[in-house]
Every structure is written in structure tokens, then in C-alpha cells.
Amino acid sequence: MSAPAIDPVRTPVSTTPARKSAGRQRTTPARFDTALGWSDRPGPAWALRVLLCLLALGVFAAPFLTIFSGSFSEKASGSTLSFLPHHPTLLNFRVAGERGIWDYFGNSLVIAGGGLLLQLAVCTLAAYALARHKFRGQALILTLFMLTMMLPEEVIAIPLSLVLGHVPVVGVDLKGTVWGVILPLGAWGFSVMLLTEFMKDIPAEIEEAARIDGVGELRMLWQVVLPLCKPALGVAGVLGFIMIWDQYLLPLIAAKDPTDYTVTVALSILRTDPEVGSGVVLAGAVIALVPSLIVYLLLQRSLVTGIAAGATKG
């Protein structure tokens, strides 16, 4: 007979230390993932963090505060640093309106809105073709898009002026129209490159499953690809709007009359007008600054998400 099997004595495992250690880990102050190893406890590192944040805030916020305070000051000076307006008044905005700043502002809105829609449409279609299809000369086309980012506006200003005055093939004069500014901004190499790299990371299985269901190219782009590219579209939208809104040389060479100018060109006109002071120029700068701030505040979440998604790819 074999001896009956005896169960080994099992030592009860106490989970109390583990729970206590886990509790201690949860209550430990979180540390910042930085090279300096900052913590949220008051100390030298915390004081350094606050000092650096205040320094950065002063460097970036001081010009904006000076512009805002000067635009509402009765006697503003662009050479003095002031955060509060002296003798607050709206006279500067009224004088800027009399100088036609709102007409220039309307021209800028039309050009920025139309240019951005055209740019996103063209860049999305180009990126979809480059990212989701294979054809000869694909790398060359993408390289040409990137090369357009390396050409300064001053280099192509004169040739572009000649082309806008007499468009090849159709023979149309686009000077003096909004299309003379919108069409050259229809494709931007940065947006094409950004959307192309983002679309390349979309799994091929999703596209294959959609094609089995009979999805065509346009429906594939609209219902499958674009919803997955919202972060990249947010980045392209914000940066594209700011790029178009800040255009100076293109509206200048595409205009036939001063009434065709945009708000950025109008600021230079106000600056050289001897009958207006610095306060009027600063008021015009505030008016020109508002749309960019609104677009950024509305799309800042998409901008941050898109940049973070692009940084973690690969």
C-alpha cells in the first residue's frame, strides 16, 4: 500500500503589505516627466518651474498686452512697454474704421475662408492618392510638393505676377479679383506631406473590408479615411488658415487697386500714413489678430491631438 498523500501546508499569503505599498504608491506625489524631474511639492525645483513659466509668459504675452493696451490708449507709443491703457478710448478703432480697415478685413475673411476650403480639398485629394495608391512617379510628385516649401515668396513674386495677369491656356486676367489670391494658395506642400504620412498609417484591413462592401473611391475617402484623419485635418486647418491670413506679398501683387488689399497690407498703409498715430496702427493690429485667435481657440484640441499623434507614430 502506498502512503496516503499528504497535502502540503500552504502558508496564507497576506495581501496587506501589497495593498499598503500600492496605497503608498498612489499617494506619492506625481512627478513630471521632464529632464529636471520637477515635482508638485514646494521646493527649489518647484520655484524654478514657476520662475521659468513666468519668464516664458512674460516673453510671449508682453507684446500682446502692449498691443491691446496701446490700441485703447489715447496717446499710444510703440516704443514703450505698457500693460494698461492710458486714458482708455475707442477713438483709435473709429479712426481705423474711417481708413477702411473693415473693408480690408472683409477681403481677408473671403480670401482666408475660400483659400482654406480649396487648400484642404486639394491637399486631401492629393494626399489620398499618394498614400493609398501606388503609381509610377509617386515619390517624385511628393518631392515636388516638398520643394515648393523651399522657394521663398520673393523668388516667385515676379513670375507669379505675370501668370496672374495672363493665365496660360485660358488667357484670363485674375488680378484685382479674389481668385488671384485664392488659387495660388490652393495647394500647400506642408498639408500634403502631413496628410499623406497620416493616411499611410491607416490599416489596410479597414480599406479592404470597405471595398468588399462595394465602397467606391470618393465614399472611401469621405466615410472611411477622413474620419480617421481628424487630428491631421485640425493641424492642417489651423496652420493653413494662419498661413493664408498672414499673406502679405501675394495680395499685394494680385491687387489692381488699393481697395483689393487685405488687412495685412492695410496695416502697412496705416503705418506710413502721417495723419494717424501709433494707436490707430495698434488698433488695426488687434483687428487683424482676432480671427487667428478665434480659429486657434476653436481648434486647439485638434491641433494638440494631431501634433501628439504625429510625434508618437513609428
Protein backbone atom coordinates (compact mmCIF):
# COMPACT_ATOMS: atom_id res chain seq x y z
CA MET A 1 0.00 0.00 0.00
CA SER A 2 1.14 3.40 -0.75
CA ALA A 3 1.09 6.02 1.91
CA PRO A 4 -1.76 8.45 1.71
CA ALA A 5 -0.83 11.67 0.04
CA ILE A 6 -0.48 14.50 2.45
CA ASP A 7 -1.37 17.94 1.24
CA PRO A 8 1.45 20.36 1.79
CA VAL A 9 0.83 23.06 4.30
CA ARG A 10 0.01 26.21 2.42
CA THR A 11 1.10 29.38 4.06
CA PRO A 12 -1.58 32.00 3.72
CA VAL A 13 -0.36 34.90 1.68
CA SER A 14 -1.17 38.20 3.21
CA THR A 15 -2.10 40.92 0.77
CA THR A 16 -1.95 43.64 3.35
CA PRO A 17 1.66 44.76 2.63
CA ALA A 18 0.98 44.80 -1.09
CA ARG A 19 -2.14 46.86 -0.57
CA LYS A 20 -0.29 49.19 1.73
CA SER A 21 2.52 49.59 -0.79
CA ALA A 22 0.00 50.20 -3.54
CA GLY A 23 -1.66 52.79 -1.36
CA ARG A 24 1.67 54.41 -0.73
CA GLN A 25 2.34 54.45 -4.46
CA ARG A 26 -0.98 56.10 -5.16
CA THR A 27 -0.45 58.73 -2.51
CA THR A 28 3.08 59.51 -3.68
CA PRO A 29 3.12 62.91 -5.39
CA ALA A 30 3.17 62.56 -9.17
CA ARG A 31 6.41 63.56 -10.84
CA PHE A 32 6.67 65.43 -14.06
CA ASP A 33 8.12 63.55 -16.98
CA THR A 34 10.89 66.04 -17.64
CA ALA A 35 14.66 66.06 -17.62
CA LEU A 36 14.65 68.22 -14.47
CA GLY A 37 12.39 65.81 -12.59
CA TRP A 38 10.12 68.55 -11.26
CA SER A 39 7.60 67.61 -8.58
CA ASP A 40 4.48 69.31 -7.30
CA ARG A 41 5.95 69.78 -3.82
CA PRO A 42 7.18 73.25 -2.86
CA GLY A 43 10.93 73.39 -3.10
CA PRO A 44 13.79 74.60 -5.29
CA ALA A 45 12.57 72.63 -8.34
CA TRP A 46 9.03 73.94 -7.87
CA ALA A 47 10.29 77.53 -7.55
CA LEU A 48 12.43 77.10 -10.67
CA ARG A 49 9.43 75.77 -12.56
CA VAL A 50 7.29 78.75 -11.55
CA LEU A 51 10.09 81.17 -12.45
CA LEU A 52 10.56 79.64 -15.91
CA CYS A 53 6.80 79.66 -16.55
CA LEU A 54 6.57 83.31 -15.57
CA LEU A 55 9.55 84.15 -17.78
CA ALA A 56 8.03 82.36 -20.77
CA LEU A 57 4.67 84.01 -20.11
CA GLY A 58 6.31 87.41 -19.98
CA VAL A 59 8.21 86.88 -23.22
CA PHE A 60 5.17 85.69 -25.18
CA ALA A 61 2.40 87.68 -23.51
CA ALA A 62 4.13 91.07 -23.15
CA PRO A 63 3.87 92.00 -26.88
CA PHE A 64 0.18 91.06 -26.98
CA LEU A 65 -0.61 93.02 -23.84
CA THR A 66 1.27 96.01 -25.23
CA ILE A 67 -0.70 95.87 -28.47
CA PHE A 68 -4.04 95.63 -26.67
CA SER A 69 -3.24 98.40 -24.22
CA GLY A 70 -1.87 100.67 -26.94
CA SER A 71 -4.93 100.18 -29.13
CA PHE A 72 -7.17 101.52 -26.35
CA SER A 73 -4.83 104.33 -25.25
CA GLU A 74 -5.45 107.92 -26.23
CA LYS A 75 -1.76 108.56 -26.85
CA ALA A 76 -0.06 105.27 -27.61
CA SER A 77 3.60 104.74 -28.39
CA GLY A 78 5.00 101.65 -29.99
CA SER A 79 8.37 102.16 -28.31
CA THR A 80 7.11 101.96 -24.71
CA LEU A 81 6.08 98.84 -22.82
CA SER A 82 2.68 99.31 -21.21
CA PHE A 83 0.22 96.68 -19.99
CA LEU A 84 -2.63 99.06 -19.09
CA PRO A 85 -4.13 101.69 -21.42
CA HIS A 86 -3.61 105.35 -20.58
CA HIS A 87 -6.86 107.31 -20.82
CA PRO A 88 -8.89 104.43 -22.37
CA THR A 89 -10.75 105.32 -25.55
CA LEU A 90 -12.22 103.72 -28.69
CA LEU A 91 -11.08 106.58 -30.90
CA ASN A 92 -8.28 104.51 -32.45
CA PHE A 93 -10.74 101.88 -33.70
CA ARG A 94 -13.04 104.55 -35.08
CA VAL A 95 -10.20 106.20 -36.99
CA ALA A 96 -9.06 102.82 -38.30
CA GLY A 97 -12.62 102.17 -39.49
CA GLU A 98 -12.68 105.51 -41.27
CA ARG A 99 -9.46 104.49 -43.03
CA GLY A 100 -11.25 101.41 -44.44
CA ILE A 101 -9.84 98.77 -42.12
CA TRP A 102 -13.16 96.90 -42.05
CA ASP A 103 -13.27 96.66 -45.84
CA TYR A 104 -9.78 95.19 -45.85
CA PHE A 105 -10.86 92.89 -43.04
CA GLY A 106 -13.76 91.62 -45.16
CA ASN A 107 -11.39 90.96 -48.08
CA SER A 108 -9.16 88.93 -45.78
CA LEU A 109 -12.10 86.87 -44.49
CA VAL A 110 -13.25 85.99 -48.00
CA ILE A 111 -9.74 85.08 -49.12
CA ALA A 112 -8.90 83.12 -45.98
CA GLY A 113 -12.19 81.22 -45.97
CA GLY A 114 -12.19 80.37 -49.66
CA GLY A 115 -8.48 79.68 -49.75
CA LEU A 116 -8.63 77.33 -46.78
CA LEU A 117 -11.54 75.32 -48.20
CA LEU A 118 -9.79 74.98 -51.55
CA GLN A 119 -6.49 74.12 -49.91
CA LEU A 120 -7.96 71.41 -47.69
CA ALA A 121 -9.86 69.90 -50.62
CA VAL A 122 -6.85 69.83 -52.96
CA CYS A 123 -4.38 68.66 -50.31
CA THR A 124 -6.73 65.92 -49.08
CA LEU A 125 -7.26 64.53 -52.57
CA ALA A 126 -3.53 64.69 -53.34
CA ALA A 127 -2.61 63.05 -50.03
CA TYR A 128 -5.18 60.27 -50.55
CA ALA A 129 -3.75 59.48 -53.96
CA LEU A 130 -0.16 59.49 -52.69
CA ALA A 131 -0.87 57.49 -49.53
CA ARG A 132 -3.41 54.86 -50.59
CA HIS A 133 -2.44 54.18 -54.23
CA LYS A 134 0.74 53.06 -55.93
CA PHE A 135 1.77 54.50 -59.28
CA ARG A 136 4.89 55.50 -61.15
CA GLY A 137 6.46 58.79 -60.18
CA GLN A 138 4.80 58.82 -56.76
CA ALA A 139 7.99 59.72 -54.90
CA LEU A 140 8.82 62.40 -57.47
CA ILE A 141 5.44 64.08 -57.06
CA LEU A 142 5.76 64.11 -53.27
CA THR A 143 9.28 65.54 -53.62
CA LEU A 144 7.96 68.32 -55.86
CA PHE A 145 5.34 69.21 -53.24
CA MET A 146 8.08 69.42 -50.63
CA LEU A 147 10.28 71.54 -52.89
CA THR A 148 7.55 74.17 -53.11
CA MET A 149 8.08 74.80 -49.39
CA MET A 150 11.71 75.72 -50.02
CA LEU A 151 11.02 78.54 -52.50
CA PRO A 152 10.78 81.99 -50.90
CA GLU A 153 7.85 84.14 -51.98
CA GLU A 154 10.24 86.82 -53.19
CA VAL A 155 11.69 84.43 -55.79
CA ILE A 156 8.37 83.60 -57.42
CA ALA A 157 6.73 87.01 -56.96
CA ILE A 158 7.50 88.39 -60.43
CA PRO A 159 6.72 85.16 -62.36
CA LEU A 160 3.51 84.75 -60.37
CA SER A 161 2.51 88.33 -61.13
CA LEU A 162 2.96 87.68 -64.86
CA VAL A 163 0.96 84.45 -64.68
CA LEU A 164 -1.89 86.09 -62.78
CA GLY A 165 -2.01 88.89 -65.35
CA HIS A 166 -2.46 86.40 -68.19
CA VAL A 167 -3.25 82.84 -67.11
CA PRO A 168 -1.86 80.35 -69.66
CA VAL A 169 -4.28 78.37 -71.85
CA VAL A 170 -7.41 80.24 -70.73
CA GLY A 171 -5.90 83.73 -71.08
CA VAL A 172 -7.80 85.20 -68.11
CA ASP A 173 -6.60 88.18 -66.07
CA LEU A 174 -7.03 87.31 -62.37
CA LYS A 175 -5.52 90.50 -60.99
CA GLY A 176 -7.94 92.55 -58.98
CA THR A 177 -10.07 89.53 -58.07
CA VAL A 178 -10.12 87.30 -55.01
CA TRP A 179 -9.29 84.32 -57.24
CA GLY A 180 -5.92 85.88 -57.93
CA VAL A 181 -5.06 85.30 -54.27
CA ILE A 182 -7.08 82.13 -53.59
CA LEU A 183 -5.91 79.95 -56.50
CA PRO A 184 -2.14 80.20 -55.79
CA LEU A 185 -2.89 79.06 -52.22
CA GLY A 186 -4.90 76.03 -53.37
CA ALA A 187 -2.08 73.57 -52.67
CA TRP A 188 0.37 73.71 -49.77
CA GLY A 189 3.23 71.25 -49.58
CA PHE A 190 3.12 71.07 -45.78
CA SER A 191 -0.53 69.96 -45.68
CA VAL A 192 0.04 67.41 -48.45
CA MET A 193 3.01 65.91 -46.64
CA LEU A 194 1.21 65.91 -43.26
CA LEU A 195 -1.97 64.26 -44.56
CA THR A 196 -0.02 61.77 -46.67
CA GLU A 197 2.01 60.49 -43.74
CA PHE A 198 -1.11 60.30 -41.58
CA MET A 199 -3.11 58.39 -44.19
CA LYS A 200 -0.30 55.90 -44.71
CA ASP A 201 -0.77 54.64 -41.14
CA ILE A 202 -4.42 53.70 -41.66
CA PRO A 203 -4.59 49.87 -41.59
CA ALA A 204 -5.11 48.29 -44.99
CA GLU A 205 -7.63 45.84 -43.49
CA ILE A 206 -10.12 48.68 -42.98
CA GLU A 207 -9.87 49.66 -46.63
CA GLU A 208 -10.12 46.05 -47.81
CA ALA A 209 -13.23 45.44 -45.72
CA ALA A 210 -14.86 48.56 -47.12
CA ARG A 211 -14.07 47.57 -50.70
CA ILE A 212 -15.66 44.16 -50.13
CA ASP A 213 -18.85 46.03 -49.23
CA GLY A 214 -18.68 47.84 -52.58
CA VAL A 215 -17.37 51.22 -51.36
CA GLY A 216 -16.06 53.46 -54.13
CA GLU A 217 -13.14 55.87 -54.05
CA LEU A 218 -15.00 59.05 -53.04
CA ARG A 219 -17.07 57.24 -50.44
CA MET A 220 -13.92 55.55 -49.14
CA LEU A 221 -12.28 58.94 -48.72
CA TRP A 222 -15.31 60.65 -47.18
CA GLN A 223 -16.64 57.95 -44.86
CA VAL A 224 -13.58 55.85 -44.02
CA VAL A 225 -10.34 57.79 -44.40
CA LEU A 226 -11.31 61.35 -43.40
CA PRO A 227 -12.95 60.39 -40.05
CA LEU A 228 -9.67 58.71 -39.08
CA CYS A 229 -7.67 61.80 -40.10
CA LYS A 230 -9.49 64.40 -37.99
CA PRO A 231 -6.39 65.26 -35.90
CA ALA A 232 -4.30 65.82 -39.02
CA LEU A 233 -7.10 67.87 -40.61
CA GLY A 234 -7.20 70.01 -37.47
CA VAL A 235 -3.48 70.74 -37.72
CA ALA A 236 -3.72 71.47 -41.45
CA GLY A 237 -6.75 73.71 -40.87
CA VAL A 238 -5.20 75.83 -38.12
CA LEU A 239 -1.79 76.25 -39.75
CA GLY A 240 -3.33 76.70 -43.19
CA PHE A 241 -5.64 79.48 -42.01
CA ILE A 242 -2.81 81.31 -40.27
CA MET A 243 -0.61 80.96 -43.34
CA ILE A 244 -3.30 82.37 -45.64
CA TRP A 245 -4.34 85.10 -43.22
CA ASP A 246 -0.75 86.32 -42.82
CA GLN A 247 -0.12 86.59 -46.57
CA TYR A 248 1.38 89.94 -47.48
CA LEU A 249 3.24 89.72 -50.78
CA LEU A 250 0.62 87.74 -52.72
CA PRO A 251 -2.31 90.13 -52.05
CA LEU A 252 0.00 92.99 -52.90
CA ILE A 253 0.98 91.70 -56.36
CA ALA A 254 -2.50 90.38 -57.16
CA ALA A 255 -4.26 93.70 -56.49
CA LYS A 256 -5.03 96.31 -59.11
CA ASP A 257 -6.46 98.88 -56.72
CA PRO A 258 -5.87 99.66 -53.03
CA THR A 259 -9.43 98.51 -52.32
CA ASP A 260 -8.32 94.97 -53.19
CA TYR A 261 -5.79 94.85 -50.34
CA THR A 262 -6.13 92.60 -47.31
CA VAL A 263 -5.86 93.66 -43.69
CA THR A 264 -2.16 92.74 -43.51
CA VAL A 265 -1.38 95.10 -46.39
CA ALA A 266 -3.65 97.74 -44.86
CA LEU A 267 -1.52 97.75 -41.70
CA SER A 268 1.49 98.85 -43.72
CA ILE A 269 -0.63 101.61 -45.26
CA LEU A 270 -1.70 102.80 -41.83
CA ARG A 271 1.91 102.68 -40.68
CA THR A 272 3.01 105.08 -43.43
CA ASP A 273 0.03 107.42 -43.04
CA PRO A 274 1.34 110.62 -41.40
CA GLU A 275 -2.15 111.64 -40.21
CA VAL A 276 -2.64 108.67 -37.89
CA GLY A 277 -0.68 107.72 -34.81
CA SER A 278 0.62 104.51 -33.35
CA GLY A 279 -2.66 103.87 -31.57
CA VAL A 280 -4.54 103.50 -34.87
CA VAL A 281 -1.93 101.08 -36.17
CA LEU A 282 -2.16 99.04 -32.97
CA ALA A 283 -5.96 99.05 -33.24
CA GLY A 284 -5.66 97.65 -36.76
CA ALA A 285 -3.25 95.02 -35.47
CA VAL A 286 -5.79 93.93 -32.83
CA ILE A 287 -8.48 93.64 -35.50
CA ALA A 288 -6.15 91.54 -37.64
CA LEU A 289 -5.21 89.37 -34.66
CA VAL A 290 -8.72 88.38 -33.57
CA PRO A 291 -9.56 85.80 -36.32
CA SER A 292 -6.34 83.87 -35.78
CA LEU A 293 -7.01 83.69 -32.04
CA ILE A 294 -10.59 82.51 -32.61
CA VAL A 295 -9.52 79.77 -35.03
CA TYR A 296 -6.80 78.61 -32.69
CA LEU A 297 -9.10 78.53 -29.65
CA LEU A 298 -11.76 76.59 -31.57
CA LEU A 299 -9.35 74.02 -32.99
CA GLN A 300 -6.66 73.90 -30.30
CA ARG A 301 -7.74 70.42 -29.16
CA SER A 302 -7.42 69.05 -32.70
CA LEU A 303 -4.09 70.83 -33.08
CA VAL A 304 -2.62 69.35 -29.90
CA THR A 305 -4.06 65.89 -30.66
CA GLY A 306 -2.70 65.93 -34.20
CA ILE A 307 0.79 67.02 -33.13
CA ALA A 308 0.85 64.41 -30.35
CA ALA A 309 -0.35 61.68 -32.72
CA GLY A 310 2.30 62.61 -35.25
CA ALA A 311 5.01 62.62 -32.59
CA THR A 312 4.15 59.10 -31.37
CA LYS A 313 3.93 57.44 -34.78
CA GLY A 314 6.65 54.98 -35.70
